[in-house]
Every structure is written in structure tokens, then in C-alpha cells.
Amino acid sequence: MKKITQIILLLCFICVFQSYAQNQTESLRDRLAKKQQQGQTIQDNGPKVPKLSVRAEMMNETQDKDLSGATWIREVYRFLDLTKGTNAALYYPVQPIGDKMNFYTLIFKLMANGSIVGYDWNQGQDLFVDNLIINFGDVLNRLEIPFQKNGNVFTFDEYSIPSNEALGYYVKEAWYFDQSNSVLGVKTVAICPVLFRQQYLGEDEQDAPMTNAGSREPQFWIPYEYLRPYAARMPIMTSDLNNVMNKTVDDYFRLRLYEGDIYKTTNMENKFLQEKFKTPQSLKYAQDSIEAQLKAFDKGLWVINDSIKAAGDQNPKKIKPNSRAKKSKASSSQASFSVRDRR
């Protein structure tokens, strides 16, 4: 009888030990998936995205630049590397701190609660049509993030957002000239987050992370006008010398404070520059040529008055200082100009 009791106690101990070991080795993703299967609610305790008022929505409509009357448009695509220069303003903080979060976390939360929609990457061609609207549940499944869906709202764990892997953005700009009001401007048309997925080795390599950041994975296109009202209410720090958050994400894009290499311009073949220019030298030359063309068009819009140009061409060293009498004579002669002369 004692032997039977001892065997039963031994079996119970083994079962308890195995269950404890399984819970210790179980990853966070597995535990969240198990909670989802058991019907438990996954709480989102992170910073909340702002809700738009009717006034903010109306203001956003008035701020959108209508390009239908533009007589010249050049569409340019850039890649923003968040590890370089001022682009880091969109990356930090990597994990939310209090009510602060980075730009990708904001986008992720807005799509989760149904405030905005994204469109398929579509091989780099941004088309904002209904049949290309992505299902955010498919995005979560692709990123292997356990979630629950209540109506149109997706709920998931805050720390499952791969904001640390969002190391880049594709940005579409439209350089335009509107002849009706003589305005040359640059409009941010669309944004596409780019993840650099962290790859891990298999069990034979002791599950050690790989040293490289992985390949680029474009996520989805989002028209910037969808993001503008939220970006205008999201302060960011753009300088290491001045830590005051005196600018917003909307200021960041509107003032073009970012740095990005041109990887594509709108063309009928929908080809990237890298497909047309095979070598790094030719690619760099093409990028610099496009930048020069944009600057040259801006300068060529304005015609300098001949009289002003002639005055500017004079050598100041040859002009002798005028005496008091000459100054008074010059002033009187200027005062005697008629309206027609000034015209």
C-alpha cells in the first residue's frame, strides 16, 4: 500500500513539475494566444490615440492641397532611414513612455481602432481604391500578433507592436506649381511604413538572434490626409540640442525636416530607379540629377527685373562715397519721380 501511495505522489510531482517547466518556457506570444482561446480579454494599457473633434476634421479638410489646378507636377518617392540624421524623430521612443509613443505605434493603434485604413503595397504602386484596402487582421496574422476582434476594433497586447523594427518609411511627395495663385509647393501624398524584421536562428543554433536586421518589408500605403489631423496633435523632439517638443509630426512633414534618398519617380513603366540604373554610381548620378531638376525649376519660375540685376552687378569698390550735397541731390531727384516713372 505504501508503494502505491509513493508511486501516486511521484506521478503527481512529475505532472506539477512538467506544468511548471512548460509555463516557464512558454513565450509571451504563446500565453497571449492561450488567453485568446480561453476567451480572456487582452488589455491595451498603453497610451491612447487622440479622438478627433468635428472641428479638427473640418480643419483637416481645409488644409488638404488640391492639385487639380496645378499646371506642373513631379511625383517623387523617397526612403527615410530612421537610423540617420533627423529621421530618428519618427523612431523614438521605441517603446511607449507614459503618453509618448513613436509614429509607427500611432499608425498601428489608429488602424486597430478603425480610425484609418491602409492600402496594399501593390509592388510600390500606390492606388487608393476599395479593392486594395487591407484587412488589419491579416496584418496582425502576418506579424504573428495574437488579437481579439470586437466589431471593427482589434485588441492586442501593447508590447506586441513591432515598433522597434519600423526602421524606415517610404514617402511620396508631389512637387507642384499652381499658376492660378503662383505657388510652388511640396505636398506629402502618402506614407508606407517599412519593417526590418529581426530574424532568429533555429534550435540548432540555440535560438540566437541573427546579426543583420533582415530585409525590407513594406507594410501598406496610407494617404497622409488620413494621418494629418492626428499628426498635428503629436509633439516630437527634432533636436538633440533643444529637448523641447516644440514641433509636431505634421510640422515635420510639412516643413520637410526629414532626409531621404529618391528611389523612384512616377513613370509609365512603374519602375524603380534601381531597375533602370544598375550600378551604384549611375544610381547616385540619377538621384542627384532629379534633385537638381527640382531646384532648377524653382529658380526658373522667377524673372529678375533688369534694372535690379544691373544694380546688383555693379562693383561696390568702384562706387565712391557721396558727399552731403550729392546725397541731397539724389534724394531730391528721387522725390521728383512721377508715378509713371516708378511704375
Protein backbone atom coordinates (compact mmCIF):
# COMPACT_ATOMS: atom_id res chain seq x y z
CA MET A 1 0.00 0.00 0.00
CA LYS A 2 2.86 2.33 0.82
CA LYS A 3 4.44 1.62 -2.56
CA ILE A 4 1.21 2.52 -4.37
CA THR A 5 0.94 5.76 -2.40
CA GLN A 6 4.53 6.64 -3.18
CA ILE A 7 4.02 5.96 -6.87
CA ILE A 8 0.92 8.19 -6.95
CA LEU A 9 2.76 11.00 -5.17
CA LEU A 10 5.69 10.64 -7.58
CA LEU A 11 3.39 10.86 -10.59
CA CYS A 12 1.68 13.95 -9.16
CA PHE A 13 5.06 15.58 -8.58
CA ILE A 14 6.15 14.85 -12.15
CA CYS A 15 2.96 16.34 -13.57
CA VAL A 16 3.31 19.50 -11.47
CA PHE A 17 6.97 19.86 -12.44
CA GLN A 18 6.21 19.46 -16.14
CA SER A 19 3.43 22.04 -15.97
CA TYR A 20 5.72 24.49 -14.18
CA ALA A 21 8.51 23.95 -16.72
CA GLN A 22 6.08 24.41 -19.58
CA ASN A 23 4.87 27.74 -18.15
CA GLN A 24 8.45 28.91 -17.71
CA THR A 25 9.47 28.11 -21.27
CA GLU A 26 6.24 29.37 -22.78
CA SER A 27 6.75 32.60 -24.67
CA LEU A 28 4.64 35.72 -24.25
CA ARG A 29 3.11 35.16 -27.67
CA ASP A 30 2.04 31.63 -26.68
CA ARG A 31 0.50 32.82 -23.44
CA LEU A 32 -1.44 35.52 -25.25
CA ALA A 33 -2.68 33.00 -27.79
CA LYS A 34 -3.83 30.72 -24.98
CA LYS A 35 -5.69 33.61 -23.33
CA GLN A 36 -7.39 34.34 -26.63
CA GLN A 37 -8.51 30.71 -26.96
CA GLN A 38 -9.86 30.77 -23.40
CA GLY A 39 -11.88 33.91 -24.21
CA GLN A 40 -9.97 36.22 -21.87
CA THR A 41 -9.70 39.88 -22.79
CA ILE A 42 -6.30 41.19 -23.89
CA GLN A 43 -5.93 44.59 -22.34
CA ASP A 44 -4.33 47.56 -24.08
CA ASN A 45 -2.86 49.64 -21.27
CA GLY A 46 -0.59 51.78 -23.46
CA PRO A 47 -1.03 55.42 -24.45
CA LYS A 48 -4.30 56.21 -26.14
CA VAL A 49 -4.56 57.90 -29.52
CA PRO A 50 -6.42 61.21 -29.54
CA LYS A 51 -10.01 61.32 -30.73
CA LEU A 52 -10.82 63.91 -33.33
CA SER A 53 -13.45 66.53 -32.79
CA VAL A 54 -15.74 67.74 -35.55
CA ARG A 55 -13.74 70.97 -35.68
CA ALA A 56 -10.48 69.06 -36.17
CA GLU A 57 -12.00 67.03 -39.01
CA MET A 58 -13.28 70.17 -40.74
CA MET A 59 -9.90 71.87 -40.34
CA ASN A 60 -8.16 68.87 -41.87
CA GLU A 61 -10.36 69.13 -44.96
CA THR A 62 -9.40 72.77 -45.47
CA GLN A 63 -5.67 72.02 -45.10
CA ASP A 64 -5.61 69.47 -47.91
CA LYS A 65 -3.90 70.91 -51.00
CA ASP A 66 -5.94 70.48 -54.16
CA LEU A 67 -3.66 69.74 -57.11
CA SER A 68 -6.40 69.67 -59.75
CA GLY A 69 -5.47 73.18 -60.91
CA ALA A 70 -1.70 72.60 -60.93
CA THR A 71 -0.01 73.17 -64.30
CA TRP A 72 3.13 71.22 -63.35
CA ILE A 73 3.50 68.19 -61.06
CA ARG A 74 6.51 65.97 -60.39
CA GLU A 75 5.89 62.96 -58.12
CA VAL A 76 8.91 61.74 -56.19
CA TYR A 77 9.30 58.75 -53.87
CA ARG A 78 11.85 58.79 -51.06
CA PHE A 79 13.09 56.30 -48.50
CA LEU A 80 13.56 57.64 -44.97
CA ASP A 81 16.17 55.71 -42.99
CA LEU A 82 15.30 56.29 -39.32
CA THR A 83 18.83 55.44 -38.21
CA LYS A 84 20.22 58.54 -39.91
CA GLY A 85 20.06 62.23 -39.06
CA THR A 86 16.85 63.94 -38.05
CA ASN A 87 14.79 60.97 -39.25
CA ALA A 88 15.20 59.48 -35.77
CA ALA A 89 12.46 61.84 -34.61
CA LEU A 90 9.92 59.34 -36.00
CA TYR A 91 11.56 56.35 -34.26
CA TYR A 92 11.87 57.36 -30.62
CA PRO A 93 10.63 56.41 -28.11
CA VAL A 94 10.83 52.82 -29.35
CA GLN A 95 8.54 51.62 -26.57
CA PRO A 96 5.80 53.93 -25.26
CA ILE A 97 6.82 56.02 -22.25
CA GLY A 98 3.85 57.46 -20.41
CA ASP A 99 1.72 59.20 -23.02
CA LYS A 100 4.57 59.33 -25.57
CA MET A 101 4.92 56.91 -28.48
CA ASN A 102 6.60 56.81 -31.86
CA PHE A 103 4.95 57.36 -35.22
CA TYR A 104 4.57 53.68 -36.11
CA THR A 105 2.81 52.93 -32.82
CA LEU A 106 0.37 55.75 -33.56
CA ILE A 107 -0.34 54.35 -37.04
CA PHE A 108 -0.79 50.85 -35.63
CA LYS A 109 -3.28 51.97 -33.00
CA LEU A 110 -5.26 54.13 -35.43
CA MET A 111 -5.69 51.16 -37.76
CA ALA A 112 -6.58 48.87 -34.86
CA ASN A 113 -9.48 51.03 -33.67
CA GLY A 114 -10.74 51.66 -37.20
CA SER A 115 -9.86 55.38 -37.35
CA ILE A 116 -7.88 54.99 -40.60
CA VAL A 117 -7.43 52.33 -43.27
CA GLY A 118 -4.37 51.22 -45.21
CA TYR A 119 -3.96 50.12 -48.81
CA ASP A 120 -1.96 47.23 -50.19
CA TRP A 121 1.71 47.83 -51.03
CA ASN A 122 0.88 46.73 -54.58
CA GLN A 123 4.50 46.39 -55.71
CA GLY A 124 5.19 50.01 -54.82
CA GLN A 125 2.27 51.45 -56.80
CA ASP A 126 0.03 53.48 -54.52
CA LEU A 127 -3.59 53.12 -55.58
CA PHE A 128 -6.26 54.20 -53.12
CA VAL A 129 -9.17 52.08 -54.31
CA ASP A 130 -11.61 49.98 -52.31
CA ASN A 131 -10.44 46.61 -53.57
CA LEU A 132 -6.92 47.32 -52.27
CA ILE A 133 -7.98 48.18 -48.71
CA ILE A 134 -6.19 45.74 -46.41
CA ASN A 135 -7.76 43.79 -43.57
CA PHE A 136 -5.91 44.73 -40.39
CA GLY A 137 -6.50 41.23 -39.07
CA ASP A 138 -4.36 39.93 -41.94
CA VAL A 139 -1.61 42.34 -40.89
CA LEU A 140 -1.73 41.04 -37.32
CA ASN A 141 -1.63 37.44 -38.53
CA ARG A 142 1.32 38.17 -40.79
CA LEU A 143 3.17 39.72 -37.85
CA GLU A 144 2.13 36.77 -35.65
CA ILE A 145 0.38 39.01 -33.10
CA PRO A 146 -2.46 37.37 -31.11
CA PHE A 147 -5.56 39.54 -31.08
CA GLN A 148 -9.25 39.73 -30.39
CA LYS A 149 -11.81 41.49 -32.54
CA ASN A 150 -14.88 43.23 -31.20
CA GLY A 151 -16.82 44.66 -34.13
CA ASN A 152 -14.30 46.70 -36.12
CA VAL A 153 -11.91 47.16 -33.19
CA PHE A 154 -8.86 44.92 -32.75
CA THR A 155 -7.43 44.37 -29.28
CA PHE A 156 -3.91 43.07 -28.66
CA ASP A 157 -1.07 43.35 -26.21
CA GLU A 158 0.71 46.72 -26.25
CA TYR A 159 4.19 45.18 -26.35
CA SER A 160 3.38 43.08 -29.41
CA ILE A 161 3.61 46.13 -31.71
CA PRO A 162 6.92 45.75 -33.61
CA SER A 163 7.76 49.45 -33.31
CA ASN A 164 11.45 48.63 -32.80
CA GLU A 165 11.53 47.06 -36.28
CA ALA A 166 9.97 50.06 -38.06
CA LEU A 167 13.29 51.49 -39.21
CA GLY A 168 12.11 53.21 -42.38
CA TYR A 169 9.29 54.87 -44.32
CA TYR A 170 8.53 55.27 -47.98
CA VAL A 171 7.22 58.79 -48.58
CA LYS A 172 5.54 60.04 -51.75
CA GLU A 173 5.94 63.75 -52.48
CA ALA A 174 4.22 65.84 -55.14
CA TRP A 175 6.16 68.90 -56.27
CA TYR A 176 3.68 71.19 -57.98
CA PHE A 177 3.19 74.66 -59.43
CA ASP A 178 -0.25 76.27 -59.29
CA GLN A 179 -0.37 79.05 -61.88
CA SER A 180 -3.65 80.47 -60.59
CA ASN A 181 -2.00 81.75 -57.40
CA SER A 182 1.69 81.44 -58.41
CA VAL A 183 2.53 78.93 -55.71
CA LEU A 184 5.28 76.30 -55.86
CA GLY A 185 4.83 73.77 -53.11
CA VAL A 186 5.55 70.24 -51.99
CA LYS A 187 2.72 68.01 -50.80
CA THR A 188 3.19 64.82 -48.80
CA VAL A 189 0.83 62.43 -50.57
CA ALA A 190 1.26 59.05 -48.89
CA ILE A 191 3.39 57.15 -46.36
CA CYS A 192 4.32 53.47 -46.16
CA PRO A 193 5.98 52.03 -43.01
CA VAL A 194 8.87 49.67 -43.69
CA LEU A 195 9.80 46.94 -41.19
CA PHE A 196 13.19 45.32 -40.92
CA ARG A 197 12.12 42.03 -39.39
CA GLN A 198 14.52 40.59 -36.84
CA GLN A 199 15.32 37.06 -37.93
CA TYR A 200 16.25 34.28 -35.50
CA LEU A 201 18.24 31.12 -35.98
CA GLY A 202 16.79 27.70 -35.34
CA GLU A 203 17.12 25.40 -32.35
CA ASP A 204 20.42 24.02 -33.63
CA GLU A 205 21.91 27.50 -33.24
CA GLN A 206 20.49 27.88 -29.70
CA ASP A 207 17.86 30.38 -30.83
CA ALA A 208 20.46 33.16 -31.06
CA PRO A 209 19.34 36.31 -32.92
CA MET A 210 20.96 37.00 -36.24
CA THR A 211 23.29 39.97 -36.52
CA ASN A 212 21.58 41.50 -39.57
CA ALA A 213 18.31 43.40 -39.39
CA GLY A 214 16.69 41.41 -42.16
CA SER A 215 15.26 42.57 -45.46
CA ARG A 216 12.84 45.44 -46.01
CA GLU A 217 9.18 44.56 -45.65
CA PRO A 218 6.89 47.38 -46.86
CA GLN A 219 3.62 47.21 -44.94
CA PHE A 220 0.87 49.33 -46.51
CA TRP A 221 0.21 52.73 -48.06
CA ILE A 222 -1.69 55.34 -46.06
CA PRO A 223 -2.81 58.67 -47.58
CA TYR A 224 -1.24 61.40 -45.50
CA GLU A 225 -4.51 63.31 -45.30
CA TYR A 226 -5.81 60.42 -43.14
CA LEU A 227 -2.92 60.90 -40.71
CA ARG A 228 -2.63 64.70 -40.75
CA PRO A 229 -5.18 65.55 -38.02
CA TYR A 230 -3.55 63.06 -35.64
CA ALA A 231 0.00 64.03 -36.65
CA ALA A 232 -0.85 67.69 -35.94
CA ARG A 233 -1.57 66.73 -32.33
CA MET A 234 1.51 64.56 -31.82
CA PRO A 235 4.53 66.53 -30.49
CA ILE A 236 8.04 65.30 -31.30
CA MET A 237 11.59 66.32 -30.46
CA THR A 238 13.64 67.17 -33.56
CA SER A 239 16.92 68.28 -31.98
CA ASP A 240 19.46 66.89 -29.53
CA LEU A 241 20.44 70.42 -28.51
CA ASN A 242 16.91 71.64 -27.73
CA ASN A 243 14.85 68.97 -25.98
CA VAL A 244 11.64 71.00 -26.00
CA MET A 245 8.96 69.32 -28.10
CA ASN A 246 8.04 72.48 -29.98
CA LYS A 247 7.10 70.76 -33.25
CA THR A 248 4.55 68.17 -34.29
CA VAL A 249 4.75 65.29 -36.74
CA ASP A 250 2.72 67.38 -39.19
CA ASP A 251 5.30 70.18 -38.93
CA TYR A 252 7.98 67.58 -39.56
CA PHE A 253 6.47 66.55 -42.90
CA ARG A 254 5.12 69.95 -43.92
CA LEU A 255 8.50 71.64 -43.41
CA ARG A 256 10.32 68.64 -44.89
CA LEU A 257 12.69 68.25 -41.93
CA TYR A 258 13.49 64.68 -42.95
CA GLU A 259 16.30 63.39 -45.17
CA GLY A 260 15.51 60.79 -47.80
CA ASP A 261 17.06 59.34 -50.92
CA ILE A 262 14.94 59.27 -54.08
CA TYR A 263 14.26 55.68 -55.10
CA LYS A 264 11.54 56.27 -57.69
CA THR A 265 9.71 58.89 -59.74
CA THR A 266 6.29 58.38 -61.29
CA ASN A 267 6.71 56.73 -64.69
CA MET A 268 4.52 54.76 -67.05
CA GLU A 269 6.51 51.55 -66.52
CA ASN A 270 6.25 51.83 -62.70
CA LYS A 271 9.96 51.03 -62.41
CA PHE A 272 12.28 51.89 -59.55
CA LEU A 273 15.44 53.85 -60.27
CA GLN A 274 17.44 50.81 -59.27
CA GLU A 275 15.86 48.87 -62.12
CA LYS A 276 16.91 51.50 -64.65
CA PHE A 277 20.36 52.28 -63.24
CA LYS A 278 22.18 49.11 -62.37
CA THR A 279 25.39 50.44 -60.81
CA PRO A 280 25.65 52.48 -57.59
CA GLN A 281 27.45 55.26 -59.44
CA SER A 282 24.76 55.65 -62.12
CA LEU A 283 22.02 55.43 -59.46
CA LYS A 284 23.62 58.18 -57.40
CA TYR A 285 24.03 60.33 -60.51
CA ALA A 286 20.33 59.88 -61.38
CA GLN A 287 19.25 60.82 -57.85
CA ASP A 288 21.41 63.96 -57.86
CA SER A 289 20.08 64.90 -61.32
CA ILE A 290 16.47 64.70 -60.13
CA GLU A 291 17.25 66.83 -57.07
CA ALA A 292 18.94 69.40 -59.33
CA GLN A 293 15.95 69.44 -61.69
CA LEU A 294 13.58 70.21 -58.82
CA LYS A 295 15.75 73.07 -57.60
CA ALA A 296 16.27 74.41 -61.12
CA PHE A 297 12.54 74.53 -61.77
CA ASP A 298 12.02 76.59 -58.62
CA LYS A 299 14.68 79.12 -59.67
CA GLY A 300 13.42 79.29 -63.26
CA LEU A 301 9.96 80.43 -62.16
CA TRP A 302 11.09 83.88 -61.11
CA VAL A 303 12.26 86.64 -63.51
CA ILE A 304 14.62 89.27 -62.10
CA ASN A 305 13.98 92.88 -63.15
CA ASP A 306 16.74 94.14 -65.49
CA SER A 307 17.30 97.34 -63.52
CA ILE A 308 17.68 95.42 -60.26
CA LYS A 309 20.03 92.97 -61.91
CA ALA A 310 22.14 95.82 -63.37
CA ALA A 311 22.36 97.48 -59.98
CA GLY A 312 23.43 94.23 -58.41
CA ASP A 313 26.17 93.75 -61.00
CA GLN A 314 27.96 96.98 -60.00
CA ASN A 315 31.21 96.58 -58.16
CA PRO A 316 30.80 98.28 -54.75
CA LYS A 317 34.54 99.05 -54.62
CA LYS A 318 34.28 101.42 -57.61
CA ILE A 319 31.45 103.46 -56.09
CA LYS A 320 32.84 106.48 -54.27
CA PRO A 321 31.13 107.68 -51.12
CA ASN A 322 28.79 110.54 -51.93
CA SER A 323 29.11 113.93 -50.29
CA ARG A 324 26.32 115.56 -48.36
CA ALA A 325 25.38 117.69 -51.34
CA LYS A 326 25.23 114.72 -53.68
CA LYS A 327 23.07 112.85 -51.21
CA SER A 328 20.59 115.71 -51.02
CA LYS A 329 20.57 115.99 -54.81
CA ALA A 330 19.96 112.28 -55.13
CA SER A 331 17.17 112.41 -52.61
CA SER A 332 15.54 115.35 -54.38
CA SER A 333 15.83 113.64 -57.74
CA GLN A 334 14.22 110.51 -56.30
CA ALA A 335 11.44 112.58 -54.84
CA SER A 336 10.74 114.15 -58.24
CA PHE A 337 9.92 110.79 -59.85
CA SER A 338 6.38 110.62 -61.11
CA VAL A 339 4.03 107.73 -60.56
CA ARG A 340 4.61 106.71 -64.17
CA ASP A 341 8.38 106.59 -63.65
CA ARG A 342 8.06 104.50 -60.53
CA ARG A 343 5.75 102.19 -62.40
